[in-house]
Amino acid sequence: GFRIYWNAPTREDDVQGQIALVERIIDQRYTGLVLAPDQTLALMTPVRRALSKNIPVVIVGSPLPLQPGGKLTYVLSDEAAAGRIAAERMGTILNGRGTVAILGIDPDIAGVLERVRWFEKTLAQEYPGIKVEDKRPGLFSVPYEQQTAEEVLSDHPQLSAILAVTTDATRGAYSALVEAHRAGKIRLVGFDQDLLMPLMTGEMDSVVAEDTYQMGYRAIEVLADERAGKPVPKLILCEPRLVTKENLETPEIRRILGLVGR
């Protein structure tokens, strides 16, 4: 009984474009809003306005600095689990020893900071022989991330691995490794992207992927229950998954990557 209207800015850094879309939803009095915010602070005001108009809002992806409750629900990937998964993978592929650079750290995205925090915490506790050699800030720009990765490779020629904590950082790091003819030699663990061929060839070790299918499903389920007057949880955490060459063709991973039916 729902008709779903999909839209997004043409660029991830077009925060004003996303705000304008939210304002349109408010003015046209939609039944509910599912929002994946591109920037934490800038989206707070339009979300508050939607809630003041009695429009249920489900935030997916990265949380805002607003407490859940009332008509505000969060459906998030478990970023603590994501950081732990990345650290455990890094510990396995490096046999517990080596040096790592972390790329793509965006201070405006709470989920990214949580990933990094749990990655470092897990390494320190379980793999003390692996040292974080460098940490670099990130932007919504693959060319910027590639340039940053190239600088890191130049500064640390003996680097063992890279952790790229965003989609753009993953793509940028992969491109830099290819250009330097070091893809597959320096291990790359990425986040949230669908570059499948490098996984199949071994040029990229693995990807920690949000279960965006489950997140979207649960978000609409929340809005349907809200409309029906049923009680809804205010925080739902969805488990991320490690995607590797070995499990790429399994039904669960194909569903997460949106490959079901292709």
Protein backbone atom coordinates (compact mmCIF):
# COMPACT_ATOMS: atom_id res chain seq x y z
CA GLY A 1 0.00 0.00 0.00
CA PHE A 2 3.01 2.31 -0.13
CA ARG A 3 4.36 4.23 -3.09
CA ILE A 4 8.05 4.92 -2.64
CA TYR A 5 9.65 8.06 -4.02
CA TRP A 6 13.41 7.76 -4.46
CA ASN A 7 15.81 10.64 -4.92
CA ALA A 8 19.30 11.81 -3.99
CA PRO A 9 21.75 14.58 -4.85
CA THR A 10 24.00 13.94 -7.84
CA ARG A 11 27.06 14.17 -5.57
CA GLU A 12 27.60 12.93 -2.03
CA ASP A 13 29.04 16.31 -1.00
CA ASP A 14 25.97 18.22 -2.23
CA VAL A 15 24.54 18.76 1.24
CA GLN A 16 22.35 21.68 0.16
CA GLY A 17 20.81 19.45 -2.51
CA GLN A 18 19.92 16.86 0.10
CA ILE A 19 18.45 19.50 2.40
CA ALA A 20 16.29 20.76 -0.49
CA LEU A 21 14.98 17.22 -1.08
CA VAL A 22 14.04 16.85 2.59
CA GLU A 23 12.27 20.22 2.52
CA ARG A 24 10.30 19.05 -0.52
CA ILE A 25 9.18 15.92 1.34
CA ILE A 26 8.03 18.06 4.27
CA ASP A 27 6.12 20.53 2.08
CA GLN A 28 4.36 17.74 0.16
CA ARG A 29 3.42 15.95 3.40
CA TYR A 30 4.68 12.47 2.68
CA THR A 31 3.72 9.63 5.01
CA GLY A 32 7.30 9.15 6.15
CA LEU A 33 10.93 9.85 5.35
CA VAL A 34 13.90 7.48 5.13
CA LEU A 35 17.11 9.53 5.08
CA ALA A 36 20.78 8.58 4.66
CA PRO A 37 22.39 11.88 5.74
CA ASP A 38 25.46 13.09 3.85
CA GLN A 39 26.48 15.46 6.63
CA THR A 40 25.68 15.21 10.30
CA LEU A 41 25.11 18.75 11.56
CA ALA A 42 23.56 20.28 8.42
CA LEU A 43 20.70 17.75 8.30
CA MET A 44 19.63 18.27 11.91
CA THR A 45 17.43 21.30 11.23
CA PRO A 46 15.41 19.82 8.33
CA VAL A 47 14.95 16.55 10.26
CA ARG A 48 13.68 18.49 13.28
CA ARG A 49 11.28 20.35 10.98
CA ALA A 50 9.96 17.07 9.55
CA LEU A 51 9.38 15.73 13.05
CA SER A 52 7.61 18.95 14.06
CA LYS A 53 5.22 18.34 11.14
CA ASN A 54 4.47 14.88 12.58
CA ILE A 55 6.31 13.09 9.74
CA PRO A 56 7.98 9.86 10.95
CA VAL A 57 11.69 9.86 10.09
CA VAL A 58 13.99 6.83 9.84
CA ILE A 59 17.70 7.63 9.64
CA VAL A 60 19.82 4.97 7.93
CA GLY A 61 23.58 4.83 7.49
CA SER A 62 25.07 7.33 9.91
CA PRO A 63 23.36 8.78 13.00
CA LEU A 64 22.59 12.42 13.66
CA PRO A 65 23.28 14.04 17.06
CA LEU A 66 19.58 13.71 17.88
CA GLN A 67 18.27 11.21 20.40
CA PRO A 68 15.93 8.57 18.95
CA GLY A 69 12.38 8.63 20.24
CA GLY A 70 8.97 9.92 19.31
CA LYS A 71 8.79 9.60 15.54
CA LEU A 72 12.57 9.39 15.05
CA THR A 73 14.09 5.93 14.54
CA TYR A 74 17.62 4.89 13.61
CA VAL A 75 18.34 1.84 11.44
CA LEU A 76 22.12 1.66 11.42
CA SER A 77 24.92 -0.66 10.52
CA ASP A 78 26.73 -1.90 13.62
CA GLU A 79 29.91 0.16 13.22
CA ALA A 80 31.58 -1.32 16.29
CA ALA A 81 31.18 -4.75 14.71
CA ALA A 82 32.46 -3.37 11.39
CA GLY A 83 35.64 -2.09 13.02
CA ARG A 84 36.19 -5.41 14.77
CA ILE A 85 35.59 -7.36 11.54
CA ALA A 86 38.14 -5.21 9.69
CA ALA A 87 40.72 -5.62 12.46
CA GLU A 88 40.25 -9.39 12.62
CA ARG A 89 40.63 -9.65 8.85
CA MET A 90 43.75 -7.50 8.96
CA GLY A 91 45.19 -9.64 11.74
CA THR A 92 44.53 -12.81 9.74
CA ILE A 93 45.99 -11.66 6.40
CA LEU A 94 49.08 -10.10 8.04
CA ASN A 95 49.62 -13.04 10.41
CA GLY A 96 49.56 -10.64 13.33
CA ARG A 97 52.50 -8.47 12.23
CA GLY A 98 52.95 -5.46 9.95
CA THR A 99 52.06 -1.83 9.35
CA VAL A 100 48.72 -0.33 8.31
CA ALA A 101 47.55 3.05 7.02
CA ILE A 102 43.95 4.18 7.60
CA LEU A 103 42.46 6.33 4.83
CA GLY A 104 39.18 8.23 4.44
CA ILE A 105 38.59 9.39 8.03
CA ASP A 106 35.73 11.90 7.73
CA PRO A 107 35.10 13.69 11.05
CA ASP A 108 31.60 14.70 9.90
CA ILE A 109 30.42 11.08 9.71
CA ALA A 110 29.96 9.52 13.13
CA GLY A 111 29.82 5.99 11.75
CA VAL A 112 33.24 6.33 10.12
CA LEU A 113 34.81 7.52 13.37
CA GLU A 114 33.25 4.55 15.18
CA ARG A 115 34.70 2.15 12.60
CA VAL A 116 38.18 3.58 13.09
CA ARG A 117 37.92 3.58 16.88
CA TRP A 118 36.93 -0.10 17.08
CA PHE A 119 39.47 -1.09 14.43
CA GLU A 120 42.29 0.45 16.45
CA LYS A 121 40.93 -0.87 19.74
CA THR A 122 40.69 -4.43 18.42
CA LEU A 123 44.17 -4.29 16.88
CA ALA A 124 45.64 -3.07 20.17
CA GLN A 125 43.92 -5.81 22.16
CA GLU A 126 44.26 -8.78 19.82
CA TYR A 127 47.05 -7.96 17.34
CA PRO A 128 49.67 -5.83 19.12
CA GLY A 129 52.21 -6.77 16.43
CA ILE A 130 50.30 -4.66 13.86
CA LYS A 131 51.08 -0.93 14.00
CA VAL A 132 48.94 1.86 12.57
CA GLU A 133 51.63 3.75 10.65
CA ASP A 134 49.51 6.61 9.25
CA LYS A 135 45.98 8.03 9.45
CA ARG A 136 44.58 10.43 6.85
CA PRO A 137 41.37 12.50 6.68
CA GLY A 138 38.99 11.91 3.80
CA LEU A 139 36.53 13.67 1.51
CA PHE A 140 33.69 12.66 -0.81
CA SER A 141 36.16 12.62 -3.72
CA VAL A 142 37.85 9.63 -5.35
CA PRO A 143 40.62 11.78 -6.96
CA TYR A 144 41.40 13.32 -3.56
CA GLU A 145 41.48 9.89 -1.93
CA GLN A 146 43.71 8.53 -4.70
CA GLN A 147 46.15 11.41 -4.25
CA THR A 148 46.17 10.82 -0.49
CA ALA A 149 46.84 7.11 -1.00
CA GLU A 150 49.69 7.90 -3.40
CA GLU A 151 51.26 10.18 -0.78
CA VAL A 152 50.95 7.45 1.86
CA LEU A 153 52.57 4.87 -0.44
CA SER A 154 55.42 7.28 -1.09
CA ASP A 155 55.88 8.11 2.60
CA HIS A 156 55.72 4.47 3.73
CA PRO A 157 57.32 2.24 1.08
CA GLN A 158 57.34 -0.78 3.43
CA LEU A 159 53.62 -0.52 4.25
CA SER A 160 51.89 -3.89 4.71
CA ALA A 161 48.24 -2.95 4.25
CA ILE A 162 45.66 -0.19 3.86
CA LEU A 163 42.30 0.13 5.58
CA ALA A 164 40.01 2.40 3.54
CA VAL A 165 37.00 3.30 5.68
CA THR A 166 34.68 4.80 3.03
CA THR A 167 33.57 4.01 -0.51
CA ASP A 168 35.61 6.83 -2.03
CA ALA A 169 38.69 5.98 0.02
CA THR A 170 38.43 2.37 -1.11
CA ARG A 171 38.21 3.31 -4.77
CA GLY A 172 40.99 5.88 -4.42
CA ALA A 173 43.31 3.47 -2.61
CA TYR A 174 42.67 0.76 -5.18
CA SER A 175 43.46 3.14 -8.07
CA ALA A 176 46.66 4.29 -6.34
CA LEU A 177 47.81 0.71 -5.80
CA VAL A 178 47.12 -0.16 -9.44
CA GLU A 179 49.05 2.91 -10.67
CA ALA A 180 51.98 1.98 -8.40
CA HIS A 181 51.85 -1.68 -9.56
CA ARG A 182 51.38 -2.73 -5.94
CA ALA A 183 47.78 -4.00 -6.04
CA GLY A 184 47.70 -7.35 -4.29
CA LYS A 185 51.17 -6.77 -2.81
CA ILE A 186 49.93 -4.24 -0.27
CA ARG A 187 46.75 -5.72 1.15
CA LEU A 188 43.63 -3.54 0.85
CA VAL A 189 40.61 -3.92 3.11
CA GLY A 190 37.84 -1.54 2.09
CA PHE A 191 34.34 -0.49 3.08
CA ASP A 192 30.95 -0.17 1.40
CA GLN A 193 31.74 -0.46 -2.29
CA ASP A 194 30.93 -2.82 -5.14
CA LEU A 195 34.21 -3.14 -7.05
CA LEU A 196 33.79 -6.86 -7.56
CA MET A 197 36.49 -7.56 -10.13
CA PRO A 198 39.42 -6.56 -7.86
CA LEU A 199 38.07 -8.96 -5.23
CA MET A 200 37.94 -11.76 -7.80
CA THR A 201 41.48 -11.08 -9.03
CA GLY A 202 42.95 -10.64 -5.57
CA GLU A 203 43.98 -7.02 -6.17
CA MET A 204 41.73 -6.12 -3.23
CA ASP A 205 41.61 -8.43 -0.24
CA SER A 206 38.14 -7.78 1.14
CA VAL A 207 35.33 -5.34 1.83
CA VAL A 208 33.32 -4.80 5.00
CA ALA A 209 29.83 -4.20 3.60
CA GLU A 210 26.77 -2.74 5.26
CA ASP A 211 23.68 -4.92 4.84
CA THR A 212 21.87 -2.10 3.07
CA TYR A 213 19.15 -4.45 1.85
CA GLN A 214 18.21 -5.30 5.44
CA MET A 215 18.53 -1.66 6.52
CA GLY A 216 16.15 -0.50 3.78
CA TYR A 217 13.69 -3.30 4.50
CA ARG A 218 13.61 -2.57 8.21
CA ALA A 219 13.26 1.20 7.59
CA ILE A 220 10.09 0.75 5.51
CA GLU A 221 8.82 -1.79 8.04
CA VAL A 222 9.19 0.85 10.77
CA LEU A 223 7.20 3.40 8.74
CA ALA A 224 4.46 0.84 8.04
CA ASP A 225 4.20 -0.08 11.73
CA GLU A 226 4.21 3.60 12.69
CA ARG A 227 1.34 4.27 10.31
CA ALA A 228 -0.59 1.29 11.71
CA GLY A 229 -0.14 2.57 15.26
CA LYS A 230 2.10 -0.32 16.31
CA PRO A 231 5.04 0.17 18.68
CA VAL A 232 8.37 0.47 16.86
CA PRO A 233 11.95 0.14 18.13
CA LYS A 234 13.89 3.39 18.16
CA LEU A 235 17.27 1.85 17.34
CA ILE A 236 17.88 -1.12 15.06
CA LEU A 237 21.43 -2.34 14.37
CA CYS A 238 22.14 -4.46 11.30
CA GLU A 239 25.21 -6.69 11.19
CA PRO A 240 27.79 -5.86 8.48
CA ARG A 241 29.42 -8.66 6.49
CA LEU A 242 32.96 -9.33 5.29
CA VAL A 243 32.99 -9.84 1.52
CA THR A 244 35.88 -11.87 0.09
CA LYS A 245 36.70 -13.74 -3.08
CA GLU A 246 35.67 -16.94 -1.33
CA ASN A 247 32.12 -15.88 -0.35
CA LEU A 248 31.34 -13.50 -3.22
CA GLU A 249 28.90 -15.89 -4.90
CA THR A 250 26.99 -16.97 -1.80
CA PRO A 251 23.28 -16.02 -1.75
CA GLU A 252 23.65 -13.83 1.36
CA ILE A 253 26.50 -11.75 -0.09
CA ARG A 254 24.81 -11.46 -3.48
CA ARG A 255 21.73 -10.09 -1.72
CA ILE A 256 23.80 -7.55 0.24
CA LEU A 257 25.55 -6.41 -2.94
CA GLY A 258 22.27 -6.11 -4.83
CA LEU A 259 23.15 -8.92 -7.24
CA VAL A 260 20.07 -11.06 -6.62
CA GLY A 261 18.14 -11.54 -9.85
CA ARG A 262 21.02 -10.51 -12.12
